[in-house]
Amino acid sequence: MAARARTEEKGPVERLHERIIAGDRGWFFARIAERVTEQRIAKGLSQRQLAELCSTTQSAIARLERGGRPPRIDTLLRIADALDCELVVELEPRKR
């Protein structure tokens, strides 16, 4: 029961961090990372070229693609624009 109480006390940032570390591949940021990689490769771009197109660094693109840290929404919007894609975010009720 104590473990459950600790889980409930965690805020959204802590839960987000745990999901990233756990590498849950079906999860939101993992899916974005996969799609960014797919679209970048389909367009024949290197990580460095994509980074230049969206005013970020190659290391930031690499981090995103391997799920190292969730990107900021403004970075995602620039990446989507550089890849000629729409960024779609959906909210769905949790399955319990």
N, C-alpha and C. Protein backbone atom coordinates (compact mmCIF):
# COMPACT_ATOMS: atom_id res chain seq x y z
N MET A 1 0.82 -1.19 0.00
CA MET A 1 0.00 0.00 0.00
C MET A 1 0.86 1.26 0.00
N ALA A 2 2.01 1.20 0.67
CA ALA A 2 2.90 2.37 0.72
C ALA A 2 3.40 2.73 -0.67
N ALA A 3 3.71 1.71 -1.48
CA ALA A 3 4.17 1.97 -2.85
C ALA A 3 3.09 2.67 -3.65
N ARG A 4 1.84 2.27 -3.47
CA ARG A 4 0.73 2.89 -4.17
C ARG A 4 0.59 4.36 -3.76
N ALA A 5 0.74 4.65 -2.49
CA ALA A 5 0.65 6.03 -2.00
C ALA A 5 1.75 6.88 -2.61
N ARG A 6 2.97 6.31 -2.70
CA ARG A 6 4.07 7.07 -3.30
C ARG A 6 3.80 7.35 -4.77
N THR A 7 3.22 6.40 -5.48
CA THR A 7 2.90 6.58 -6.90
C THR A 7 1.87 7.67 -7.07
N GLU A 8 0.87 7.70 -6.21
CA GLU A 8 -0.19 8.71 -6.31
C GLU A 8 0.33 10.09 -5.97
N GLU A 9 1.39 10.18 -5.16
CA GLU A 9 1.95 11.47 -4.79
C GLU A 9 2.80 12.09 -5.90
N LYS A 10 3.21 11.29 -6.84
CA LYS A 10 4.08 11.78 -7.92
C LYS A 10 3.30 12.71 -8.82
N GLY A 11 3.97 13.76 -9.22
CA GLY A 11 3.36 14.71 -10.14
C GLY A 11 3.52 14.27 -11.57
N PRO A 12 2.95 15.03 -12.50
CA PRO A 12 3.01 14.65 -13.91
C PRO A 12 4.43 14.58 -14.45
N VAL A 13 5.31 15.44 -13.98
CA VAL A 13 6.69 15.43 -14.49
C VAL A 13 7.40 14.15 -14.06
N GLU A 14 7.20 13.75 -12.80
CA GLU A 14 7.82 12.51 -12.33
C GLU A 14 7.27 11.30 -13.07
N ARG A 15 5.95 11.26 -13.30
CA ARG A 15 5.36 10.15 -14.04
C ARG A 15 5.87 10.13 -15.48
N LEU A 16 6.00 11.32 -16.08
CA LEU A 16 6.54 11.43 -17.43
C LEU A 16 7.96 10.88 -17.48
N HIS A 17 8.78 11.28 -16.53
CA HIS A 17 10.17 10.82 -16.48
C HIS A 17 10.24 9.30 -16.34
N GLU A 18 9.39 8.72 -15.50
CA GLU A 18 9.38 7.27 -15.33
C GLU A 18 9.02 6.56 -16.63
N ARG A 19 8.07 7.09 -17.36
CA ARG A 19 7.66 6.45 -18.61
C ARG A 19 8.78 6.51 -19.64
N ILE A 20 9.50 7.63 -19.66
CA ILE A 20 10.61 7.76 -20.60
C ILE A 20 11.69 6.74 -20.26
N ILE A 21 12.05 6.66 -18.98
CA ILE A 21 13.08 5.72 -18.54
C ILE A 21 12.65 4.28 -18.82
N ALA A 22 11.38 3.98 -18.59
CA ALA A 22 10.88 2.62 -18.79
C ALA A 22 10.89 2.21 -20.25
N GLY A 23 10.90 3.17 -21.15
CA GLY A 23 10.95 2.86 -22.57
C GLY A 23 9.68 2.22 -23.10
N ASP A 24 8.56 2.60 -22.56
CA ASP A 24 7.28 2.05 -23.01
C ASP A 24 7.05 2.47 -24.46
N ARG A 25 7.32 1.54 -25.41
CA ARG A 25 7.32 1.88 -26.83
C ARG A 25 5.95 2.26 -27.37
N GLY A 26 4.88 1.90 -26.70
CA GLY A 26 3.56 2.28 -27.18
C GLY A 26 3.16 3.65 -26.71
N TRP A 27 3.99 4.28 -25.98
CA TRP A 27 3.65 5.54 -25.35
C TRP A 27 3.87 6.73 -26.28
N PHE A 28 3.26 7.81 -25.97
CA PHE A 28 3.19 9.01 -26.79
C PHE A 28 4.53 9.48 -27.36
N PHE A 29 5.51 9.78 -26.52
CA PHE A 29 6.77 10.32 -27.02
C PHE A 29 7.56 9.29 -27.81
N ALA A 30 7.44 8.03 -27.44
CA ALA A 30 8.12 6.99 -28.20
C ALA A 30 7.56 6.94 -29.62
N ARG A 31 6.26 7.08 -29.74
CA ARG A 31 5.63 7.06 -31.06
C ARG A 31 6.06 8.28 -31.88
N ILE A 32 6.14 9.42 -31.25
CA ILE A 32 6.62 10.62 -31.96
C ILE A 32 8.05 10.40 -32.43
N ALA A 33 8.89 9.84 -31.57
CA ALA A 33 10.28 9.59 -31.93
C ALA A 33 10.36 8.68 -33.15
N GLU A 34 9.55 7.64 -33.15
CA GLU A 34 9.53 6.71 -34.29
C GLU A 34 9.10 7.42 -35.56
N ARG A 35 8.06 8.22 -35.46
CA ARG A 35 7.53 8.92 -36.64
C ARG A 35 8.52 9.96 -37.16
N VAL A 36 9.18 10.67 -36.27
CA VAL A 36 10.19 11.66 -36.70
C VAL A 36 11.29 10.94 -37.47
N THR A 37 11.77 9.83 -36.93
CA THR A 37 12.82 9.08 -37.59
C THR A 37 12.36 8.58 -38.97
N GLU A 38 11.17 8.01 -39.01
CA GLU A 38 10.63 7.51 -40.29
C GLU A 38 10.52 8.63 -41.32
N GLN A 39 9.96 9.74 -40.93
CA GLN A 39 9.76 10.85 -41.86
C GLN A 39 11.08 11.46 -42.29
N ARG A 40 12.02 11.58 -41.35
CA ARG A 40 13.34 12.15 -41.69
C ARG A 40 14.03 11.27 -42.73
N ILE A 41 14.01 9.97 -42.50
CA ILE A 41 14.65 9.04 -43.44
C ILE A 41 13.93 9.05 -44.79
N ALA A 42 12.60 9.07 -44.76
CA ALA A 42 11.82 9.09 -46.00
C ALA A 42 12.15 10.33 -46.84
N LYS A 43 12.47 11.43 -46.18
CA LYS A 43 12.81 12.66 -46.89
C LYS A 43 14.29 12.72 -47.24
N GLY A 44 15.06 11.69 -46.84
CA GLY A 44 16.48 11.65 -47.16
C GLY A 44 17.32 12.65 -46.40
N LEU A 45 16.88 12.99 -45.19
CA LEU A 45 17.60 13.97 -44.37
C LEU A 45 18.44 13.28 -43.31
N SER A 46 19.59 13.84 -43.04
CA SER A 46 20.38 13.40 -41.89
C SER A 46 19.84 14.10 -40.65
N GLN A 47 20.24 13.64 -39.49
CA GLN A 47 19.83 14.33 -38.26
C GLN A 47 20.33 15.77 -38.27
N ARG A 48 21.53 15.96 -38.76
CA ARG A 48 22.10 17.33 -38.81
C ARG A 48 21.30 18.23 -39.74
N GLN A 49 20.91 17.71 -40.89
CA GLN A 49 20.11 18.51 -41.84
C GLN A 49 18.76 18.88 -41.24
N LEU A 50 18.10 17.91 -40.60
CA LEU A 50 16.82 18.22 -39.96
C LEU A 50 17.00 19.26 -38.87
N ALA A 51 18.05 19.11 -38.09
CA ALA A 51 18.33 20.07 -37.02
C ALA A 51 18.49 21.49 -37.58
N GLU A 52 19.21 21.61 -38.68
CA GLU A 52 19.40 22.92 -39.30
C GLU A 52 18.08 23.51 -39.78
N LEU A 53 17.22 22.66 -40.33
CA LEU A 53 15.92 23.13 -40.83
C LEU A 53 15.00 23.64 -39.72
N CYS A 54 15.18 23.10 -38.52
CA CYS A 54 14.28 23.53 -37.44
C CYS A 54 15.02 24.26 -36.31
N SER A 55 16.17 24.79 -36.62
CA SER A 55 16.93 25.64 -35.68
C SER A 55 17.19 24.98 -34.33
N THR A 56 17.68 23.75 -34.40
CA THR A 56 18.08 23.06 -33.18
C THR A 56 19.40 22.37 -33.47
N THR A 57 19.82 21.49 -32.60
CA THR A 57 21.10 20.82 -32.79
C THR A 57 20.90 19.36 -33.20
N GLN A 58 21.92 18.80 -33.81
CA GLN A 58 21.88 17.38 -34.17
C GLN A 58 21.70 16.53 -32.93
N SER A 59 22.35 16.91 -31.84
CA SER A 59 22.23 16.11 -30.62
C SER A 59 20.80 16.14 -30.07
N ALA A 60 20.09 17.25 -30.25
CA ALA A 60 18.69 17.32 -29.81
C ALA A 60 17.82 16.37 -30.64
N ILE A 61 18.08 16.30 -31.94
CA ILE A 61 17.33 15.38 -32.80
C ILE A 61 17.66 13.94 -32.42
N ALA A 62 18.93 13.64 -32.18
CA ALA A 62 19.33 12.29 -31.78
C ALA A 62 18.67 11.89 -30.46
N ARG A 63 18.65 12.82 -29.50
CA ARG A 63 18.01 12.57 -28.20
C ARG A 63 16.53 12.27 -28.38
N LEU A 64 15.86 13.07 -29.21
CA LEU A 64 14.44 12.85 -29.48
C LEU A 64 14.23 11.48 -30.10
N GLU A 65 15.02 11.14 -31.11
CA GLU A 65 14.83 9.88 -31.83
C GLU A 65 15.09 8.65 -30.97
N ARG A 66 15.94 8.77 -29.98
CA ARG A 66 16.17 7.60 -29.11
C ARG A 66 15.32 7.68 -27.84
N GLY A 67 14.48 8.70 -27.73
CA GLY A 67 13.59 8.81 -26.59
C GLY A 67 14.27 9.26 -25.31
N GLY A 68 15.38 9.95 -25.46
CA GLY A 68 16.14 10.38 -24.29
C GLY A 68 15.46 11.40 -23.42
N ARG A 69 14.72 12.29 -24.01
CA ARG A 69 14.03 13.33 -23.25
C ARG A 69 12.90 13.84 -24.13
N PRO A 70 11.74 14.11 -23.53
CA PRO A 70 10.65 14.63 -24.37
C PRO A 70 10.98 16.02 -24.89
N PRO A 71 10.71 16.26 -26.16
CA PRO A 71 11.00 17.57 -26.74
C PRO A 71 9.96 18.60 -26.32
N ARG A 72 10.35 19.84 -26.38
CA ARG A 72 9.40 20.93 -26.12
C ARG A 72 8.42 21.00 -27.28
N ILE A 73 7.23 21.49 -27.01
CA ILE A 73 6.19 21.54 -28.04
C ILE A 73 6.61 22.45 -29.19
N ASP A 74 7.30 23.55 -28.91
CA ASP A 74 7.73 24.42 -30.00
C ASP A 74 8.76 23.72 -30.89
N THR A 75 9.59 22.88 -30.30
CA THR A 75 10.55 22.11 -31.10
C THR A 75 9.81 21.10 -31.96
N LEU A 76 8.81 20.42 -31.39
CA LEU A 76 8.02 19.47 -32.17
C LEU A 76 7.31 20.15 -33.33
N LEU A 77 6.80 21.34 -33.10
CA LEU A 77 6.12 22.08 -34.18
C LEU A 77 7.10 22.44 -35.29
N ARG A 78 8.31 22.85 -34.94
CA ARG A 78 9.32 23.17 -35.96
C ARG A 78 9.75 21.91 -36.72
N ILE A 79 9.88 20.80 -36.01
CA ILE A 79 10.25 19.54 -36.66
C ILE A 79 9.14 19.12 -37.62
N ALA A 80 7.89 19.18 -37.17
CA ALA A 80 6.77 18.82 -38.04
C ALA A 80 6.76 19.69 -39.29
N ASP A 81 6.99 20.98 -39.12
CA ASP A 81 7.03 21.90 -40.26
C ASP A 81 8.17 21.54 -41.21
N ALA A 82 9.33 21.26 -40.66
CA ALA A 82 10.50 20.91 -41.49
C ALA A 82 10.27 19.61 -42.25
N LEU A 83 9.48 18.71 -41.67
CA LEU A 83 9.20 17.43 -42.32
C LEU A 83 7.91 17.47 -43.14
N ASP A 84 7.32 18.66 -43.27
CA ASP A 84 6.07 18.85 -44.00
C ASP A 84 4.98 17.92 -43.47
N CYS A 85 4.84 17.92 -42.14
CA CYS A 85 3.85 17.07 -41.46
C CYS A 85 3.00 17.93 -40.52
N GLU A 86 1.86 17.38 -40.16
CA GLU A 86 1.01 17.98 -39.13
C GLU A 86 1.34 17.32 -37.80
N LEU A 87 1.40 18.10 -36.74
CA LEU A 87 1.57 17.55 -35.40
C LEU A 87 0.17 17.39 -34.82
N VAL A 88 -0.19 16.16 -34.50
CA VAL A 88 -1.52 15.86 -33.98
C VAL A 88 -1.37 15.29 -32.57
N VAL A 89 -2.08 15.90 -31.64
CA VAL A 89 -2.08 15.43 -30.25
C VAL A 89 -3.53 15.13 -29.89
N GLU A 90 -3.76 13.98 -29.31
CA GLU A 90 -5.12 13.58 -28.96
C GLU A 90 -5.20 13.25 -27.48
N LEU A 91 -6.35 13.53 -26.89
CA LEU A 91 -6.62 13.12 -25.52
C LEU A 91 -7.69 12.04 -25.57
N GLU A 92 -7.42 10.94 -24.93
CA GLU A 92 -8.37 9.83 -24.89
C GLU A 92 -8.56 9.42 -23.45
N PRO A 93 -9.77 9.00 -23.09
CA PRO A 93 -9.97 8.52 -21.71
C PRO A 93 -9.04 7.34 -21.42
N ARG A 94 -8.56 7.28 -20.19
CA ARG A 94 -7.70 6.18 -19.79
C ARG A 94 -8.48 4.88 -19.75
N LYS A 95 -7.81 3.83 -20.12
CA LYS A 95 -8.40 2.50 -20.01
C LYS A 95 -8.01 1.93 -18.66
N ARG A 96 -8.96 1.59 -17.89
CA ARG A 96 -8.67 1.08 -16.54
C ARG A 96 -8.91 -0.38 -16.43
